[in-house]
Amino acid sequence: PAEVEANVLSYDRGSDLISAEGRVLMRYDGYEIACDDLRYNQRSGELYCIGNVAVVDPQGNRFTADRIEVTGGLKNAFVESLSVTTSDGALITARDTRYSRELETILTDATYAPCGLCIDEKGRRIGWMVRAARIVQDPITKGITIEQPRLEVLGTPVAWLPWLSLPDPSQTRRTGVRLPSVDYSSERGVSLTVPYFIALGEDTDLLLSPQLM
């Protein structure tokens, strides 16, 4: 069940199509979705949100996009010009995103910036950002593969890898590399920390954090 508000709401009995126009607001399963134009085909289960799309999930993360297409009984989605602002202020962008509940999530031409826009009040570059050709999240292997990641510090590229594999954030005790972090200070300059987590037993963990300066 969904709740929909719109300037114009119509139903086509022949095609079983529900249309909402104007500033549309839909609430569904803890999500709030706003857009200029919404089309939902009850027969095929296809949903289209077009124009100034904004989504807020139950965790408070905010998604914006130009267009969202949801098919396969709300199991597959295509998002054009994705921008995600997480509840802790990080910013994720992608040219397009393909999501499949059973298979994988693929972000193309993606960026991740824990400092958000990474620009201070004086217009200066701050913090660090990772750019990637593709980011693939696999729900079966519980892993994330980053293809051609490039690390930028203060807007300047400083490191590049052909690929990087990380465990899904939900896998808190899986052995492997954790998300690297970058820091800067006038005394030490730029430092890169690449944590590696090892689960030695059910109640024993080892976290190695080598640092390159």
C-alpha atoms as a PDB file:
ATOM      1  CA  PRO A   1       0.000   0.000   0.000  1.00  0.00           C
ATOM      2  CA  ALA A   2       1.180   3.488  -0.934  1.00  0.00           C
ATOM      3  CA  GLU A   3      -0.063   6.996  -0.181  1.00  0.00           C
ATOM      4  CA  VAL A   4       0.130   9.488  -3.067  1.00  0.00           C
ATOM      5  CA  GLU A   5      -0.397  13.255  -3.178  1.00  0.00           C
ATOM      6  CA  ALA A   6      -0.371  15.221  -6.459  1.00  0.00           C
ATOM      7  CA  ASN A   7      -1.911  18.194  -8.249  1.00  0.00           C
ATOM      8  CA  VAL A   8      -3.515  15.812 -10.787  1.00  0.00           C
ATOM      9  CA  LEU A   9      -4.204  12.110 -10.229  1.00  0.00           C
ATOM     10  CA  SER A  10      -5.769   9.959 -12.959  1.00  0.00           C
ATOM     11  CA  TYR A  11      -6.482   6.299 -13.733  1.00  0.00           C
ATOM     12  CA  ASP A  12      -6.702   4.684 -17.177  1.00  0.00           C
ATOM     13  CA  ARG A  13      -8.913   1.598 -16.859  1.00  0.00           C
ATOM     14  CA  GLY A  14      -7.947   0.246 -20.297  1.00  0.00           C
ATOM     15  CA  SER A  15      -4.177   0.155 -19.655  1.00  0.00           C
ATOM     16  CA  ASP A  16      -4.496  -0.150 -15.850  1.00  0.00           C
ATOM     17  CA  LEU A  17      -2.200   2.889 -15.571  1.00  0.00           C
ATOM     18  CA  ILE A  18      -2.147   5.271 -12.598  1.00  0.00           C
ATOM     19  CA  SER A  19      -0.732   8.737 -13.388  1.00  0.00           C
ATOM     20  CA  ALA A  20       0.197  11.539 -11.008  1.00  0.00           C
ATOM     21  CA  GLU A  21       1.311  14.982 -12.191  1.00  0.00           C
ATOM     22  CA  GLY A  22       2.388  18.226 -10.559  1.00  0.00           C
ATOM     23  CA  ARG A  23       4.556  18.014  -7.478  1.00  0.00           C
ATOM     24  CA  VAL A  24       4.006  14.345  -6.655  1.00  0.00           C
ATOM     25  CA  LEU A  25       4.690  12.940  -3.191  1.00  0.00           C
ATOM     26  CA  MET A  26       4.457   9.191  -2.564  1.00  0.00           C
ATOM     27  CA  ARG A  27       4.992   7.409   0.760  1.00  0.00           C
ATOM     28  CA  TYR A  28       5.743   3.690   0.589  1.00  0.00           C
ATOM     29  CA  ASP A  29       7.169   1.295   3.211  1.00  0.00           C
ATOM     30  CA  GLY A  30       8.979   4.055   5.125  1.00  0.00           C
ATOM     31  CA  TYR A  31      10.209   5.827   1.963  1.00  0.00           C
ATOM     32  CA  GLU A  32       9.172   9.266   0.713  1.00  0.00           C
ATOM     33  CA  ILE A  33       9.431   9.831  -3.059  1.00  0.00           C
ATOM     34  CA  ALA A  34       8.866  13.207  -4.717  1.00  0.00           C
ATOM     35  CA  CYS A  35       8.958  13.973  -8.455  1.00  0.00           C
ATOM     36  CA  ASP A  36       7.235  15.999 -11.192  1.00  0.00           C
ATOM     37  CA  ASP A  37       5.603  13.063 -12.996  1.00  0.00           C
ATOM     38  CA  LEU A  38       4.815   9.537 -11.788  1.00  0.00           C
ATOM     39  CA  ARG A  39       3.457   6.585 -13.806  1.00  0.00           C
ATOM     40  CA  TYR A  40       2.549   3.212 -12.326  1.00  0.00           C
ATOM     41  CA  ASN A  41       1.323   0.310 -14.454  1.00  0.00           C
ATOM     42  CA  GLN A  42      -0.536  -2.076 -12.147  1.00  0.00           C
ATOM     43  CA  ARG A  43      -0.605  -4.752 -14.840  1.00  0.00           C
ATOM     44  CA  SER A  44       3.161  -4.925 -15.464  1.00  0.00           C
ATOM     45  CA  GLY A  45       4.353  -3.547 -12.113  1.00  0.00           C
ATOM     46  CA  GLU A  46       6.439  -0.846 -13.824  1.00  0.00           C
ATOM     47  CA  LEU A  47       6.961   2.453 -12.014  1.00  0.00           C
ATOM     48  CA  TYR A  48       8.450   5.618 -13.561  1.00  0.00           C
ATOM     49  CA  CYS A  49       9.402   8.776 -11.639  1.00  0.00           C
ATOM     50  CA  ILE A  50      10.512  11.624 -13.917  1.00  0.00           C
ATOM     51  CA  GLY A  51      11.862  15.105 -13.189  1.00  0.00           C
ATOM     52  CA  ASN A  52      13.422  16.458  -9.969  1.00  0.00           C
ATOM     53  CA  VAL A  53      13.263  13.083  -8.260  1.00  0.00           C
ATOM     54  CA  ALA A  54      14.026  13.070  -4.519  1.00  0.00           C
ATOM     55  CA  VAL A  55      13.870  10.024  -2.255  1.00  0.00           C
ATOM     56  CA  VAL A  56      14.323   9.852   1.533  1.00  0.00           C
ATOM     57  CA  ASP A  57      14.781   6.346   2.966  1.00  0.00           C
ATOM     58  CA  PRO A  58      13.885   5.197   6.507  1.00  0.00           C
ATOM     59  CA  GLN A  59      17.508   5.803   7.662  1.00  0.00           C
ATOM     60  CA  GLY A  60      17.383   9.482   6.621  1.00  0.00           C
ATOM     61  CA  ASN A  61      19.603   9.146   3.534  1.00  0.00           C
ATOM     62  CA  ARG A  62      18.536  11.490   0.720  1.00  0.00           C
ATOM     63  CA  PHE A  63      18.661  10.440  -2.961  1.00  0.00           C
ATOM     64  CA  THR A  64      18.209  12.822  -5.898  1.00  0.00           C
ATOM     65  CA  ALA A  65      18.031  11.900  -9.597  1.00  0.00           C
ATOM     66  CA  ASP A  66      16.671  12.975 -12.965  1.00  0.00           C
ATOM     67  CA  ARG A  67      14.755   9.739 -13.566  1.00  0.00           C
ATOM     68  CA  ILE A  68      13.976   6.439 -11.827  1.00  0.00           C
ATOM     69  CA  GLU A  69      12.596   3.344 -13.567  1.00  0.00           C
ATOM     70  CA  VAL A  70      11.456   0.391 -11.430  1.00  0.00           C
ATOM     71  CA  THR A  71      10.503  -2.906 -13.099  1.00  0.00           C
ATOM     72  CA  GLY A  72      10.172  -6.605 -12.335  1.00  0.00           C
ATOM     73  CA  GLY A  73       7.586  -6.226  -9.612  1.00  0.00           C
ATOM     74  CA  LEU A  74       9.619  -3.484  -7.872  1.00  0.00           C
ATOM     75  CA  LYS A  75      12.727  -5.731  -7.839  1.00  0.00           C
ATOM     76  CA  ASN A  76      14.832  -4.005 -10.526  1.00  0.00           C
ATOM     77  CA  ALA A  77      15.604  -0.309 -10.907  1.00  0.00           C
ATOM     78  CA  PHE A  78      17.481   2.084 -13.178  1.00  0.00           C
ATOM     79  CA  VAL A  79      18.426   5.506 -11.798  1.00  0.00           C
ATOM     80  CA  GLU A  80      19.755   8.318 -13.992  1.00  0.00           C
ATOM     81  CA  SER A  81      22.098  10.998 -12.528  1.00  0.00           C
ATOM     82  CA  LEU A  82      22.095   9.656  -8.972  1.00  0.00           C
ATOM     83  CA  SER A  83      23.188  11.745  -5.990  1.00  0.00           C
ATOM     84  CA  VAL A  84      23.020  10.368  -2.435  1.00  0.00           C
ATOM     85  CA  THR A  85      23.551  12.396   0.739  1.00  0.00           C
ATOM     86  CA  THR A  86      23.845  10.015   3.682  1.00  0.00           C
ATOM     87  CA  SER A  87      22.666  10.768   7.197  1.00  0.00           C
ATOM     88  CA  ASP A  88      26.291  11.319   8.300  1.00  0.00           C
ATOM     89  CA  GLY A  89      26.969  13.903   5.561  1.00  0.00           C
ATOM     90  CA  ALA A  90      28.826  11.773   2.985  1.00  0.00           C
ATOM     91  CA  LEU A  91      28.066  12.260  -0.720  1.00  0.00           C
ATOM     92  CA  ILE A  92      27.793   9.508  -3.362  1.00  0.00           C
ATOM     93  CA  THR A  93      27.160  10.274  -7.035  1.00  0.00           C
ATOM     94  CA  ALA A  94      26.854   8.177 -10.201  1.00  0.00           C
ATOM     95  CA  ARG A  95      26.041   8.825 -13.847  1.00  0.00           C
ATOM     96  CA  ASP A  96      23.609   5.929 -13.671  1.00  0.00           C
ATOM     97  CA  THR A  97      22.772   3.086 -11.308  1.00  0.00           C
ATOM     98  CA  ARG A  98      21.295  -0.350 -12.012  1.00  0.00           C
ATOM     99  CA  TYR A  99      19.822  -2.226  -9.065  1.00  0.00           C
ATOM    100  CA  SER A 100      18.620  -5.823  -8.858  1.00  0.00           C
ATOM    101  CA  ARG A 101      17.424  -7.230  -5.550  1.00  0.00           C
ATOM    102  CA  GLU A 102      18.643 -10.773  -6.400  1.00  0.00           C
ATOM    103  CA  LEU A 103      21.763  -9.966  -8.453  1.00  0.00           C
ATOM    104  CA  GLU A 104      23.789  -6.804  -7.911  1.00  0.00           C
ATOM    105  CA  THR A 105      23.918  -3.038  -7.759  1.00  0.00           C
ATOM    106  CA  ILE A 106      26.122  -1.279 -10.343  1.00  0.00           C
ATOM    107  CA  LEU A 107      27.129   2.403 -10.123  1.00  0.00           C
ATOM    108  CA  THR A 108      28.784   3.846 -13.260  1.00  0.00           C
ATOM    109  CA  ASP A 109      31.143   6.862 -13.164  1.00  0.00           C
ATOM    110  CA  ALA A 110      30.770   6.978  -9.390  1.00  0.00           C
ATOM    111  CA  THR A 111      32.271   9.125  -6.638  1.00  0.00           C
ATOM    112  CA  TYR A 112      32.349   8.799  -2.857  1.00  0.00           C
ATOM    113  CA  ALA A 113      33.213  11.775  -0.645  1.00  0.00           C
ATOM    114  CA  PRO A 114      32.881  11.401   3.156  1.00  0.00           C
ATOM    115  CA  CYS A 115      33.148  15.203   3.445  1.00  0.00           C
ATOM    116  CA  GLY A 116      30.116  15.826   1.218  1.00  0.00           C
ATOM    117  CA  LEU A 117      30.850  18.513  -1.375  1.00  0.00           C
ATOM    118  CA  CYS A 118      34.416  18.812   0.044  1.00  0.00           C
ATOM    119  CA  ILE A 119      34.352  22.621  -0.283  1.00  0.00           C
ATOM    120  CA  ASP A 120      34.554  24.923   2.748  1.00  0.00           C
ATOM    121  CA  GLU A 121      32.749  28.238   3.259  1.00  0.00           C
ATOM    122  CA  LYS A 122      35.579  30.051   1.424  1.00  0.00           C
ATOM    123  CA  GLY A 123      35.277  27.864  -1.680  1.00  0.00           C
ATOM    124  CA  ARG A 124      38.477  25.897  -0.971  1.00  0.00           C
ATOM    125  CA  ARG A 125      38.874  22.161  -1.610  1.00  0.00           C
ATOM    126  CA  ILE A 126      38.971  20.088   1.586  1.00  0.00           C
ATOM    127  CA  GLY A 127      38.997  16.411   2.491  1.00  0.00           C
ATOM    128  CA  TRP A 128      39.315  13.461   0.138  1.00  0.00           C
ATOM    129  CA  MET A 129      37.263  11.700  -2.532  1.00  0.00           C
ATOM    130  CA  VAL A 130      37.316   8.393  -4.422  1.00  0.00           C
ATOM    131  CA  ARG A 131      36.341   8.226  -8.103  1.00  0.00           C
ATOM    132  CA  ALA A 132      35.665   4.939  -9.895  1.00  0.00           C
ATOM    133  CA  ALA A 133      34.678   3.722 -13.353  1.00  0.00           C
ATOM    134  CA  ARG A 134      32.248   1.268 -11.732  1.00  0.00           C
ATOM    135  CA  ILE A 135      31.236   0.156  -8.251  1.00  0.00           C
ATOM    136  CA  VAL A 136      29.559  -3.269  -8.076  1.00  0.00           C
ATOM    137  CA  GLN A 137      27.828  -4.583  -4.951  1.00  0.00           C
ATOM    138  CA  ASP A 138      27.089  -8.341  -4.994  1.00  0.00           C
ATOM    139  CA  PRO A 139      24.491  -9.497  -2.428  1.00  0.00           C
ATOM    140  CA  ILE A 140      25.457 -13.167  -2.928  1.00  0.00           C
ATOM    141  CA  THR A 141      29.192 -12.884  -2.160  1.00  0.00           C
ATOM    142  CA  LYS A 142      28.571  -9.917   0.198  1.00  0.00           C
ATOM    143  CA  GLY A 143      31.369  -8.019  -1.499  1.00  0.00           C
ATOM    144  CA  ILE A 144      31.954  -4.665  -3.195  1.00  0.00           C
ATOM    145  CA  THR A 145      34.262  -4.370  -6.212  1.00  0.00           C
ATOM    146  CA  ILE A 146      35.589  -0.944  -7.200  1.00  0.00           C
ATOM    147  CA  GLU A 147      36.966  -0.777 -10.741  1.00  0.00           C
ATOM    148  CA  GLN A 148      39.753   1.746 -11.506  1.00  0.00           C
ATOM    149  CA  PRO A 149      39.504   3.621  -8.186  1.00  0.00           C
ATOM    150  CA  ARG A 150      41.319   6.960  -8.022  1.00  0.00           C
ATOM    151  CA  LEU A 151      42.008   8.733  -4.737  1.00  0.00           C
ATOM    152  CA  GLU A 152      41.890  12.547  -4.717  1.00  0.00           C
ATOM    153  CA  VAL A 153      43.105  14.655  -1.791  1.00  0.00           C
ATOM    154  CA  LEU A 154      42.246  18.373  -1.750  1.00  0.00           C
ATOM    155  CA  GLY A 155      41.051  17.953  -5.359  1.00  0.00           C
ATOM    156  CA  THR A 156      44.389  16.472  -6.565  1.00  0.00           C
ATOM    157  CA  PRO A 157      44.724  12.804  -7.706  1.00  0.00           C
ATOM    158  CA  VAL A 158      47.340  11.048  -5.536  1.00  0.00           C
ATOM    159  CA  ALA A 159      46.786   7.286  -6.059  1.00  0.00           C
ATOM    160  CA  TRP A 160      45.255   4.874  -8.591  1.00  0.00           C
ATOM    161  CA  LEU A 161      44.502   1.134  -8.590  1.00  0.00           C
ATOM    162  CA  PRO A 162      43.144  -1.161 -11.333  1.00  0.00           C
ATOM    163  CA  TRP A 163      40.578  -2.517  -8.870  1.00  0.00           C
ATOM    164  CA  LEU A 164      39.804  -2.824  -5.166  1.00  0.00           C
ATOM    165  CA  SER A 165      37.665  -5.421  -3.386  1.00  0.00           C
ATOM    166  CA  LEU A 166      35.975  -4.691  -0.055  1.00  0.00           C
ATOM    167  CA  PRO A 167      33.477  -6.591   2.102  1.00  0.00           C
ATOM    168  CA  ASP A 168      29.942  -5.276   2.231  1.00  0.00           C
ATOM    169  CA  PRO A 169      29.527  -2.843   5.190  1.00  0.00           C
ATOM    170  CA  SER A 170      26.916  -5.211   6.623  1.00  0.00           C
ATOM    171  CA  GLN A 171      29.616  -7.905   6.992  1.00  0.00           C
ATOM    172  CA  THR A 172      31.277  -6.482  10.088  1.00  0.00           C
ATOM    173  CA  ARG A 173      33.405  -9.590  10.876  1.00  0.00           C
ATOM    174  CA  ARG A 174      34.465 -10.676   7.396  1.00  0.00           C
ATOM    175  CA  THR A 175      38.243 -10.894   6.884  1.00  0.00           C
ATOM    176  CA  GLY A 176      39.550  -8.406   4.340  1.00  0.00           C
ATOM    177  CA  VAL A 177      40.430  -4.806   3.535  1.00  0.00           C
ATOM    178  CA  ARG A 178      38.230  -2.098   5.036  1.00  0.00           C
ATOM    179  CA  LEU A 179      37.503   1.282   3.460  1.00  0.00           C
ATOM    180  CA  PRO A 180      40.736   3.346   3.414  1.00  0.00           C
ATOM    181  CA  SER A 181      40.847   6.768   5.067  1.00  0.00           C
ATOM    182  CA  VAL A 182      42.900   9.879   4.342  1.00  0.00           C
ATOM    183  CA  ASP A 183      44.099  12.543   6.778  1.00  0.00           C
ATOM    184  CA  TYR A 184      46.132  15.732   6.499  1.00  0.00           C
ATOM    185  CA  SER A 185      48.105  17.757   9.022  1.00  0.00           C
ATOM    186  CA  SER A 186      50.750  20.466   8.726  1.00  0.00           C
ATOM    187  CA  GLU A 187      53.190  18.329  10.767  1.00  0.00           C
ATOM    188  CA  ARG A 188      52.888  15.044   8.827  1.00  0.00           C
ATOM    189  CA  GLY A 189      51.371  16.052   5.491  1.00  0.00           C
ATOM    190  CA  VAL A 190      48.985  13.612   3.791  1.00  0.00           C
ATOM    191  CA  SER A 191      48.563  10.132   5.316  1.00  0.00           C
ATOM    192  CA  LEU A 192      46.698   7.141   3.867  1.00  0.00           C
ATOM    193  CA  THR A 193      45.439   4.390   6.201  1.00  0.00           C
ATOM    194  CA  VAL A 194      44.342   1.031   4.760  1.00  0.00           C
ATOM    195  CA  PRO A 195      42.811  -1.126   7.539  1.00  0.00           C
ATOM    196  CA  TYR A 196      42.815  -4.923   7.236  1.00  0.00           C
ATOM    197  CA  PHE A 197      40.434  -6.887   9.470  1.00  0.00           C
ATOM    198  CA  ILE A 198      41.034 -10.504  10.538  1.00  0.00           C
ATOM    199  CA  ALA A 199      38.481 -12.573  12.457  1.00  0.00           C
ATOM    200  CA  LEU A 200      40.672 -14.914  14.561  1.00  0.00           C
ATOM    201  CA  GLY A 201      37.775 -16.534  16.410  1.00  0.00           C
ATOM    202  CA  GLU A 202      34.205 -16.072  17.525  1.00  0.00           C
ATOM    203  CA  ASP A 203      35.223 -13.497  20.128  1.00  0.00           C
ATOM    204  CA  THR A 204      38.708 -12.459  18.931  1.00  0.00           C
ATOM    205  CA  ASP A 205      39.481  -9.906  16.201  1.00  0.00           C
ATOM    206  CA  LEU A 206      42.661  -8.351  14.823  1.00  0.00           C
ATOM    207  CA  LEU A 207      42.653  -5.007  13.005  1.00  0.00           C
ATOM    208  CA  LEU A 208      45.877  -3.976  11.229  1.00  0.00           C
ATOM    209  CA  SER A 209      46.063  -0.316  10.139  1.00  0.00           C
ATOM    210  CA  PRO A 210      49.237   0.330   8.116  1.00  0.00           C
ATOM    211  CA  GLN A 211      49.714   4.021   7.320  1.00  0.00           C
ATOM    212  CA  LEU A 212      51.485   5.559   4.311  1.00  0.00           C
ATOM    213  CA  MET A 213      52.695   9.153   4.692  1.00  0.00           C
END
